[in-house]
Protein backbone atom coordinates (compact mmCIF):
# COMPACT_ATOMS: atom_id res chain seq x y z
CA MET A 1 103.89 22.06 160.97
CA ALA A 2 106.88 23.60 162.71
CA GLU A 3 110.25 22.66 161.37
CA VAL A 4 113.59 22.12 163.00
CA ILE A 5 116.15 24.17 161.09
CA HIS A 6 119.44 22.42 160.37
CA ALA A 7 121.75 25.38 160.76
CA ASN A 8 125.25 26.53 160.02
CA ALA A 9 126.87 29.66 161.48
CA ALA A 10 125.03 32.01 159.12
CA ALA A 11 121.64 30.42 159.77
CA LEU A 12 122.18 30.50 163.53
CA GLN A 13 123.18 34.17 163.38
CA GLN A 14 120.12 34.96 161.28
CA ALA A 15 117.83 33.08 163.70
CA LEU A 16 119.32 34.91 166.68
CA GLN A 17 118.69 38.26 164.99
CA GLN A 18 115.16 37.47 163.84
CA ASN A 19 113.72 35.57 166.82
CA PRO A 20 113.43 36.68 170.45
CA VAL A 21 113.86 33.07 171.67
CA VAL A 22 115.97 30.38 169.99
CA LEU A 23 116.62 26.79 171.10
CA CYS A 24 119.72 25.29 169.49
CA ASP A 25 120.72 21.61 169.76
CA PHE A 26 124.40 20.93 169.06
CA TRP A 27 124.59 17.28 167.96
CA ALA A 28 126.30 14.74 165.66
CA THR A 29 125.04 11.85 163.54
CA TRP A 30 127.15 9.27 165.42
CA CYS A 31 125.99 10.37 168.89
CA GLY A 32 123.58 7.93 170.59
CA PRO A 33 122.15 10.39 173.14
CA CYS A 34 121.70 12.91 170.31
CA LYS A 35 119.55 10.39 168.43
CA MET A 36 117.49 9.83 171.58
CA LEU A 37 117.01 13.59 171.95
CA ALA A 38 115.98 14.20 168.31
CA PRO A 39 112.25 13.40 168.79
CA VAL A 40 112.18 15.66 171.86
CA ILE A 41 113.64 18.55 169.85
CA GLU A 42 111.07 17.94 167.08
CA GLN A 43 108.24 17.90 169.62
CA LEU A 44 109.47 21.16 171.16
CA ALA A 45 109.48 22.73 167.68
CA GLU A 46 105.82 21.75 167.32
CA GLU A 47 104.77 22.85 170.81
CA TYR A 48 106.54 26.21 170.64
CA ALA A 49 105.85 26.98 166.96
CA GLY A 50 105.56 30.71 166.41
CA ARG A 51 107.22 31.50 169.75
CA VAL A 52 110.61 29.74 169.57
CA ALA A 53 112.94 29.07 166.63
CA VAL A 54 114.34 25.54 166.97
CA LEU A 55 117.67 24.75 165.35
CA LYS A 56 120.08 21.84 165.19
CA VAL A 57 123.79 22.33 164.51
CA ASP A 58 125.86 19.32 163.42
CA VAL A 59 129.15 19.81 165.28
CA ASP A 60 131.10 17.75 162.75
CA ARG A 61 130.03 20.03 159.90
CA ASN A 62 130.29 23.21 161.97
CA GLN A 63 133.41 22.75 164.08
CA GLU A 64 134.21 26.47 164.32
CA LEU A 65 130.70 27.21 165.55
CA ALA A 66 130.91 24.41 168.11
CA ALA A 67 134.23 25.82 169.32
CA GLN A 68 132.74 29.32 169.50
CA TYR A 69 130.07 28.05 171.91
CA GLY A 70 132.48 25.87 173.89
CA ILE A 71 130.80 22.59 173.00
CA MET A 72 132.79 19.86 174.75
CA SER A 73 130.09 17.16 174.97
CA ILE A 74 127.01 16.49 172.92
CA PRO A 75 124.15 16.84 172.91
CA THR A 76 124.35 20.37 174.23
CA VAL A 77 121.20 22.48 174.06
CA TYR A 78 121.34 26.26 174.31
CA VAL A 79 118.44 28.64 174.86
CA PHE A 80 119.00 32.17 173.60
CA LYS A 81 116.92 35.23 174.46
CA ASN A 82 117.42 38.36 172.38
CA GLY A 83 120.60 36.91 170.88
CA LYS A 84 122.25 36.04 174.21
CA ALA A 85 122.72 32.54 175.65
CA VAL A 86 120.65 32.38 178.84
CA ASN A 87 120.59 28.65 179.61
CA THR A 88 122.23 25.42 178.55
CA LYS A 89 121.97 21.70 179.22
CA VAL A 90 124.62 19.11 178.38
CA GLY A 91 123.26 15.62 177.80
CA ALA A 92 119.83 14.23 176.97
CA TYR A 93 117.09 15.16 179.44
CA PRO A 94 113.33 14.63 179.63
CA ILE A 95 111.24 17.03 177.57
CA ASP A 96 109.94 18.82 180.67
CA ASP A 97 113.46 20.04 181.47
CA TYR A 98 113.62 21.80 178.09
CA ARG A 99 110.07 23.14 178.49
CA LYS A 100 111.13 24.73 181.80
CA MET A 101 114.12 26.34 180.09
CA LEU A 102 111.89 27.81 177.38
CA ASP A 103 109.01 28.80 179.65
CA ALA A 104 111.45 30.73 181.85
CA VAL A 105 112.27 33.09 178.98
CA LEU A 106 108.87 33.36 177.30
């Protein structure tokens, strides 16, 4: 079973160094759309297990990291390839939108 990694700055940096493709969901516990997106993120972790590292970063606990990535609204989902941000979506979207983002870099 693939897991979603709840990450801080160090864990995100490690994931970016160790995985060619990383999906990172910036979220917060109080955010309604973030709660709606959570099962989608978990499903993506399952579907892309072994090919994509899937992380969640709580913006309230990691404010410096959220500022570093310019997070102004949540949820914000980044896709990284080889350590560089290559795509982002702000808001909760259907799972196929995230699949397209990942498939484009795999």
